[in-house]
Protein backbone atom coordinates (compact mmCIF):
# COMPACT_ATOMS: atom_id res chain seq x y z
CA MET A 1 142.41 138.72 70.00
CA GLY A 2 139.87 139.57 72.73
CA ALA A 3 140.15 139.41 76.50
CA PRO A 4 141.36 136.44 78.13
CA GLN A 5 137.62 135.97 79.48
CA ILE A 6 136.76 136.18 75.89
CA ARG A 7 139.27 133.88 74.55
CA ASN A 8 138.30 131.04 77.15
CA ARG A 9 134.74 130.81 75.92
CA ALA A 10 134.76 132.33 72.19
CA THR A 11 135.21 130.38 69.01
CA ILE A 12 136.44 131.68 65.73
CA ALA A 13 133.28 130.57 64.12
CA GLY A 14 131.10 132.57 66.53
CA ASN A 15 133.24 135.59 65.26
CA LEU A 16 132.88 134.88 61.74
CA VAL A 17 129.12 134.44 61.71
CA THR A 18 128.32 137.51 63.35
CA ALA A 19 129.62 139.14 60.48
CA SER A 20 130.68 142.51 61.67
CA PRO A 21 133.15 144.41 59.65
CA ALA A 22 134.73 145.22 62.68
CA ASN A 23 135.46 141.67 63.95
CA ASP A 24 138.94 140.87 64.46
CA THR A 25 139.38 137.09 62.78
CA ILE A 26 137.63 137.93 59.59
CA THR A 27 140.16 140.37 58.30
CA PRO A 28 143.23 138.01 58.61
CA LEU A 29 141.32 135.11 57.41
CA MET A 30 140.34 136.76 54.44
CA ALA A 31 144.03 137.83 53.65
CA LEU A 32 144.93 133.98 54.00
CA ASN A 33 142.24 133.01 51.51
CA ALA A 34 140.40 131.05 53.72
CA TRP A 35 137.41 129.14 53.45
CA VAL A 36 134.52 127.67 55.66
CA THR A 37 132.45 124.60 55.24
CA LEU A 38 128.67 124.83 55.97
CA ALA A 39 126.72 121.73 56.74
CA SER A 40 123.08 120.64 57.10
CA VAL A 41 120.81 117.59 56.77
CA ARG A 42 120.96 118.54 53.07
CA GLY A 43 124.84 118.04 52.79
CA ALA A 44 127.64 120.07 52.96
CA ARG A 45 129.43 123.07 50.95
CA ARG A 46 132.38 124.63 50.88
CA VAL A 47 132.61 128.67 50.72
CA PRO A 48 135.41 131.04 50.27
CA LEU A 49 135.04 133.76 53.09
CA SER A 50 135.25 136.46 50.65
CA GLU A 51 132.14 135.13 49.35
CA PHE A 52 130.50 134.41 52.65
CA TYR A 53 129.43 137.86 53.33
CA THR A 54 126.53 139.80 51.78
CA GLY A 55 126.53 143.13 54.12
CA VAL A 56 126.78 144.21 57.71
CA ARG A 57 125.64 141.12 59.77
CA LYS A 58 124.62 139.16 56.60
CA THR A 59 126.21 136.12 55.12
CA VAL A 60 125.00 133.33 53.04
CA LEU A 61 124.68 130.95 55.95
CA GLN A 62 120.99 129.19 55.50
CA PRO A 63 118.82 128.76 58.70
CA ASP A 64 119.45 125.19 58.65
CA GLU A 65 123.26 125.32 58.44
CA MET A 66 126.07 125.16 60.68
CA MET A 67 129.67 126.48 60.11
CA VAL A 68 131.62 123.06 60.76
CA ASP A 69 135.07 123.81 59.23
CA ILE A 70 137.56 126.80 58.66
CA ALA A 71 140.40 126.33 56.71
CA PHE A 72 143.26 128.19 54.64
CA PRO A 73 146.47 127.17 52.86
CA ALA A 74 149.55 127.14 55.30
CA LEU A 75 151.90 130.19 54.60
CA THR A 76 154.95 128.98 52.49
CA LYS A 77 158.42 129.49 53.71
CA THR A 78 158.80 132.89 51.97
CA GLN A 79 155.29 134.30 53.19
CA ARG A 80 154.85 136.44 56.15
CA GLY A 81 151.59 137.80 57.54
CA THR A 82 150.65 140.31 60.33
CA PHE A 83 147.49 141.95 61.52
CA LEU A 84 147.05 145.41 63.33
CA LYS A 85 144.19 146.89 65.13
CA LEU A 86 143.11 150.45 66.26
CA GLY A 87 140.46 150.49 68.93
CA LEU A 88 139.52 153.45 71.40
CA ARG A 89 141.40 151.69 74.05
CA ARG A 90 144.58 149.67 74.55
CA VAL A 91 142.74 146.55 75.62
CA GLN A 92 139.68 144.90 74.37
CA ALA A 93 137.81 147.23 72.18
CA ILE A 94 135.83 146.96 68.87
CA SER A 95 137.86 147.83 65.85
CA VAL A 96 137.92 151.38 64.59
CA VAL A 97 140.01 150.01 61.85
CA ASN A 98 141.79 146.74 61.23
CA ALA A 99 144.17 145.40 58.76
CA ALA A 100 145.98 142.47 57.67
CA VAL A 101 148.92 142.00 55.39
CA VAL A 102 150.42 139.10 53.84
CA LEU A 103 153.58 139.30 51.76
CA ASP A 104 155.38 136.78 49.59
CA LEU A 105 159.08 138.01 49.76
CA GLY A 106 161.73 136.96 47.47
CA PRO A 107 165.47 138.06 48.08
CA ASP A 108 165.49 141.86 47.20
CA ALA A 109 161.58 142.47 46.49
CA ALA A 110 158.04 141.44 47.31
CA LYS A 111 156.92 138.73 44.89
CA SER A 112 153.14 139.50 45.61
CA ALA A 113 150.95 141.13 48.39
CA VAL A 114 147.54 140.69 50.15
CA ILE A 115 145.93 143.54 51.96
CA THR A 116 142.60 143.29 53.54
CA LEU A 117 140.98 145.92 55.63
CA GLY A 118 138.27 145.86 58.30
CA ALA A 119 135.84 148.17 59.77
CA VAL A 120 136.06 150.63 56.60
CA ALA A 121 133.16 149.17 54.62
CA PRO A 122 130.12 147.29 54.99
CA VAL A 123 132.24 143.93 54.55
CA ILE A 124 136.13 143.20 54.62
CA VAL A 125 137.70 144.95 51.43
CA ARG A 126 140.84 144.00 49.60
CA ALA A 127 143.01 146.92 48.45
CA PRO A 128 144.10 145.58 45.05
CA GLU A 129 145.80 148.87 43.58
CA ALA A 130 148.09 148.53 46.70
CA GLU A 131 148.58 144.83 46.14
CA ALA A 132 149.49 145.37 42.66
CA TYR A 133 151.92 148.21 43.32
CA LEU A 134 153.85 145.89 46.04
CA ALA A 135 154.55 143.12 43.41
CA GLY A 136 157.88 143.12 42.22
CA LYS A 137 159.26 146.34 44.31
CA GLU A 138 161.83 146.55 46.97
CA LEU A 139 160.34 147.53 50.37
CA THR A 140 161.99 150.91 50.52
CA ASP A 141 160.28 153.45 52.80
CA GLU A 142 158.85 155.31 49.75
CA VAL A 143 157.62 152.12 48.40
CA ILE A 144 155.75 151.46 51.78
CA ALA A 145 154.28 155.05 51.99
CA ARG A 146 153.00 154.89 48.61
CA ALA A 147 151.30 151.45 49.23
CA GLY A 148 149.77 153.01 52.47
CA GLU A 149 148.45 155.59 50.48
CA LEU A 150 146.67 153.50 47.96
CA ALA A 151 145.27 151.26 50.50
CA ALA A 152 143.68 154.33 52.05
CA GLU A 153 142.00 154.93 48.84
CA SER A 154 140.33 151.26 48.91
CA ALA A 155 138.54 152.13 52.11
CA ARG A 156 134.96 153.30 51.93
CA PRO A 157 134.31 154.27 55.65
CA ILE A 158 131.66 156.10 57.32
CA ASP A 159 131.40 158.81 60.20
CA ASP A 160 130.29 157.50 63.39
CA ILE A 161 130.62 157.91 67.04
CA ARG A 162 133.99 156.05 67.08
CA GLY A 163 135.65 157.72 64.18
CA SER A 164 135.08 159.98 61.15
CA ALA A 165 135.43 158.66 57.94
CA ALA A 166 138.63 160.85 57.33
CA TYR A 167 140.23 159.64 60.28
CA ARG A 168 139.46 156.13 59.39
CA LYS A 169 141.15 156.73 55.84
CA ALA A 170 144.25 158.03 57.67
CA MET A 171 144.63 155.27 59.92
CA VAL A 172 144.35 152.64 57.25
CA ARG A 173 147.43 154.28 55.52
CA THR A 174 148.91 154.05 59.34
CA LEU A 175 148.35 150.62 59.78
CA VAL A 176 149.30 149.22 56.29
CA THR A 177 152.45 151.37 56.50
CA ARG A 178 153.39 149.95 59.87
CA GLY A 179 152.49 146.30 58.91
CA LEU A 180 154.67 146.57 55.84
CA ARG A 181 157.55 148.01 57.78
CA GLN A 182 157.21 145.13 60.24
CA LEU A 183 157.21 142.41 57.76
CA ARG A 184 159.86 144.10 55.98
CA ASP A 185 162.21 144.32 59.36
CA GLY A 186 161.07 140.87 60.72
CA GLN A 187 159.23 142.49 63.61
CA TRP A 188 155.83 141.28 62.76
CA GLN A 189 155.43 139.08 65.89
CA SER A 190 157.21 141.89 68.32
CA GLN A 191 154.36 142.93 70.14
CA VAL A 192 152.80 139.33 70.78
CA PRO A 193 153.62 138.05 74.28
CA GLU A 194 155.60 134.80 74.32
CA GLU A 195 153.32 133.49 77.08
CA PRO A 196 149.93 135.33 77.15
CA VAL A 197 148.05 135.52 80.42
CA LEU A 198 145.23 132.87 80.29
CA LEU A 199 143.06 133.49 83.42
CA SER A 200 142.82 129.92 83.56
CA SER A 201 144.56 127.39 85.81
CA ASN A 202 143.42 123.71 86.96
CA VAL A 203 141.11 123.63 84.32
CA LYS A 204 138.57 120.78 84.71
CA ARG A 205 137.58 119.46 81.47
CA HIS A 206 133.95 119.55 81.36
CA ALA A 207 132.02 117.68 78.28
CA SER A 208 129.60 120.60 77.60
CA HIS A 209 126.05 119.26 77.23
CA VAL A 210 122.51 121.12 77.50
CA PRO A 211 119.86 119.39 79.61
CA ALA A 212 116.36 119.63 78.30
CA SER A 213 114.22 122.39 79.74
CA ASP A 214 112.27 119.79 81.97
CA MET A 215 115.55 118.57 83.15
CA PRO A 216 117.33 120.12 86.56
CA ILE A 217 120.60 121.74 86.27
CA HIS A 218 123.06 120.32 89.04
CA THR A 219 125.75 122.52 89.80
CA LYS A 220 128.39 123.48 92.44
CA ILE A 221 128.63 127.15 93.08
CA ASN A 222 131.24 128.38 95.76
CA GLY A 223 131.46 124.94 97.01
CA LYS A 224 127.86 124.17 97.74
CA GLU A 225 125.78 122.10 95.58
CA TYR A 226 122.61 123.71 93.74
CA THR A 227 119.81 122.22 91.67
CA PHE A 228 117.86 124.52 89.63
CA THR A 229 114.59 123.59 87.76
CA SER A 230 113.91 126.96 86.16
CA GLY A 231 116.26 129.56 84.60
CA HIS A 232 117.30 127.15 81.43
CA ASP A 233 116.61 130.13 79.07
CA LYS A 234 118.73 132.61 81.00
CA SER A 235 122.39 133.48 80.74
CA LEU A 236 124.53 132.00 83.57
CA LEU A 237 124.88 135.59 85.16
CA ARG A 238 121.03 135.52 85.54
CA LEU A 239 120.98 132.29 86.97
CA LEU A 240 123.41 133.28 89.63
CA ARG A 241 121.64 136.46 90.29
CA GLU A 242 118.17 135.27 90.29
CA GLU A 243 117.89 131.71 90.73
CA ALA A 244 120.88 131.43 93.34
CA GLY A 245 120.62 134.74 95.04
CA LEU A 246 124.16 135.69 94.55
CA THR A 247 124.18 139.43 93.43
CA GLY A 248 127.67 140.14 93.83
CA THR A 249 128.38 139.23 90.37
CA LYS A 250 127.19 142.32 88.30
CA GLU A 251 125.64 143.12 84.93
CA GLY A 252 127.12 146.12 83.05
CA CYS A 253 126.75 145.65 79.55
CA ALA A 254 125.50 142.05 78.79
CA GLU A 255 127.58 141.84 75.75
CA GLY A 256 131.02 140.83 77.21
CA GLU A 257 132.42 144.27 76.93
CA CYS A 258 132.93 145.24 80.44
CA GLY A 259 134.02 142.31 82.55
CA ALA A 260 131.70 142.98 85.56
CA CYS A 261 130.42 139.73 85.44
CA THR A 262 133.57 137.73 85.43
CA VAL A 263 133.34 134.30 87.41
CA PHE A 264 135.44 131.25 87.48
CA LEU A 265 133.96 128.44 85.47
CA ASP A 266 135.67 124.97 85.72
CA GLY A 267 138.70 126.88 86.67
CA MET A 268 138.48 129.52 83.90
CA ALA A 269 137.69 133.28 84.11
CA VAL A 270 134.60 133.89 82.03
CA MET A 271 132.28 136.50 81.58
CA ALA A 272 128.97 135.08 82.66
CA CYS A 273 126.69 137.26 80.48
CA LEU A 274 127.84 135.06 77.60
CA VAL A 275 127.46 131.62 79.09
CA PRO A 276 124.23 129.81 78.72
CA ALA A 277 122.75 129.05 82.01
CA PRO A 278 122.78 125.17 81.19
CA ARG A 279 126.40 125.31 80.60
CA ALA A 280 126.50 125.35 84.73
CA ASP A 281 125.16 121.53 84.70
CA GLY A 282 127.96 119.51 86.15
CA ALA A 283 130.51 122.56 86.43
CA GLU A 284 132.13 123.94 89.38
CA ILE A 285 131.47 127.78 89.77
CA VAL A 286 133.17 130.30 92.04
CA THR A 287 131.78 133.90 92.25
CA ILE A 288 132.89 136.89 94.21
CA GLU A 289 131.03 135.76 97.28
CA GLY A 290 133.01 132.65 97.18
CA LEU A 291 136.60 133.95 96.43
CA SER A 292 137.18 134.28 100.22
CA PRO A 293 134.20 133.81 102.19
CA LEU A 294 133.62 135.52 105.40
CA PRO A 295 132.86 132.99 108.38
CA GLU A 296 129.47 133.48 109.19
CA GLY A 297 128.55 136.22 111.68
CA ALA A 298 132.19 137.55 111.52
CA PRO A 299 132.70 141.15 111.34
CA PHE A 300 133.93 142.68 108.06
CA ARG A 301 136.67 144.67 109.38
CA ASP A 302 138.47 143.79 112.85
CA ASP A 303 139.36 146.58 115.38
CA LYS A 304 142.38 147.73 113.55
CA GLY A 305 140.45 148.37 110.46
CA SER A 306 141.99 145.53 108.46
CA GLY A 307 139.60 143.32 106.28
CA VAL A 308 138.74 139.84 108.15
CA GLY A 309 138.72 136.91 106.08
CA LEU A 310 139.47 138.55 102.73
CA HIS A 311 141.37 137.51 99.81
CA PRO A 312 144.63 139.48 99.19
CA VAL A 313 143.33 141.29 96.23
CA GLN A 314 140.32 142.48 98.25
CA GLU A 315 142.37 143.45 100.96
CA ALA A 316 144.90 145.55 98.51
CA PHE A 317 141.75 147.11 96.88
CA ILE A 318 140.59 148.35 100.02
CA ALA A 319 144.19 149.55 101.33
CA ASP A 320 145.21 151.32 97.92
CA GLY A 321 141.67 153.11 97.31
CA ALA A 322 141.16 150.97 94.12
CA VAL A 323 137.38 150.70 94.84
CA GLN A 324 135.52 153.77 93.24
CA CYS A 325 131.85 153.55 92.39
CA GLY A 326 132.53 149.62 93.28
CA TYR A 327 130.22 148.47 90.29
CA CYS A 328 133.27 147.00 88.07
CA THR A 329 134.95 145.88 91.31
CA PRO A 330 133.75 142.15 91.62
CA GLY A 331 135.03 141.59 87.92
CA PHE A 332 138.26 142.93 88.47
CA ILE A 333 138.94 141.51 91.85
CA MET A 334 137.94 137.93 89.98
CA SER A 335 140.48 138.53 87.17
CA ALA A 336 143.11 139.76 89.66
CA ALA A 337 142.56 136.67 91.78
CA LYS A 338 142.76 134.24 88.76
CA LEU A 339 146.17 136.10 87.72
CA LEU A 340 147.74 135.44 90.78
CA GLU A 341 146.73 131.95 91.05
CA GLU A 342 147.94 131.56 87.34
CA ARG A 343 151.37 133.93 88.34
CA PRO A 344 152.10 134.55 91.60
CA ARG A 345 154.50 137.29 90.98
CA PRO A 346 153.21 138.92 87.99
CA THR A 347 154.91 141.65 85.96
CA ARG A 348 153.20 145.13 85.25
CA ASP A 349 152.79 143.80 81.76
CA GLU A 350 151.04 140.84 82.58
CA ILE A 351 148.49 142.73 85.10
CA THR A 352 147.55 144.86 82.18
CA GLN A 353 147.02 141.85 80.08
CA ALA A 354 144.77 140.08 82.68
CA LEU A 355 142.67 143.31 82.97
CA THR A 356 142.13 143.94 79.45
CA GLY A 357 138.72 142.54 79.51
CA ASN A 358 137.68 144.63 82.81
CA LEU A 359 136.40 148.09 82.09
CA CYS A 360 136.18 150.73 84.58
CA ARG A 361 134.05 153.78 83.93
CA CYS A 362 135.07 155.90 86.64
CA THR A 363 138.74 156.94 86.00
CA GLY A 364 141.93 155.58 85.26
CA TYR A 365 143.42 152.24 86.34
CA TYR A 366 146.35 153.21 88.42
CA LYS A 367 145.12 152.41 91.76
CA ILE A 368 143.61 149.21 90.54
CA ILE A 369 146.99 148.07 88.76
CA GLN A 370 148.69 149.18 92.19
CA ALA A 371 146.55 147.01 94.11
CA VAL A 372 147.12 143.84 92.30
CA GLU A 373 150.82 144.61 92.41
CA ASP A 374 150.79 144.86 96.18
CA ALA A 375 148.45 141.83 96.61
CA ALA A 376 151.06 139.93 94.72
CA ASN A 377 153.77 141.09 97.10
CA SER A 378 151.79 140.52 100.34
């Protein structure tokens, strides 16, 4: 779920409390009958996740409460579960529709079923008619198809720019049908990589703390020590650009959607727009300027037209014409460089995994992927 840069920073609790019906973690946790523990100075309370949401972006969380625990019963030996998501891209994207299915399977039939649906109502919903229909039935193609139709009837989607209500209903049927077939055929993990790309290596374990606003932020950026007495209320992206003057890191969306602001934070690729500036205190940061710095006063190109002092990924981007408008390029290069550090000879599938958090708005990604392949082989 999410791109590597998101997974390096995000928490499930953060995803849950934003309370969007399109969020990826709510649907499967709801299918697992999860509950959350909310705590404040007044004490703690346990709330079933199904009762946590009151509407779009609305929860029962009080202003003084924090989510401190997420729990669910472990699947039994006869249970199987799967999660499927439809987005507008085959990479990091907000769900147009998502679905989770948990089956308790007997020798010849499904003993029980739980089906939850996301992005088709103001909150995550279940498909009770489909669940009741599946109980006690053999999972034939006909039964699965009918269950998909019943699940679609449980959806109450809206029309918006990402998809019509009719399309969403049709996709509910498709996803639920596909999920049931995966569980029946033992293929529910067929598309999950055994060793996913992490974009993380040689991680320095850093005890996160937030210095007070009147305390300086001490950090190391591209091997140089910095002390900042301002910028505490900014993102790391803004700290780098406005306080440190390192403008190679770009702001595209400021919401973790495009990856143009990818930097290395203590050995992990992260999106700087999602990191509070005080997190830089005591950390080591690498930006595009420090990936392979040119010697001071050195020309950018030699007399043969080759890059001087460039990282192999940078050289390959130039040679293959992977630089287009150039705005997204620093983020792509940072992700690709961390991938080659993690896996010097990546497969094409691993390259596409590494770039799922980086968005190019110019055209296709063919030249970009080719450049990473060529850098790996250089």
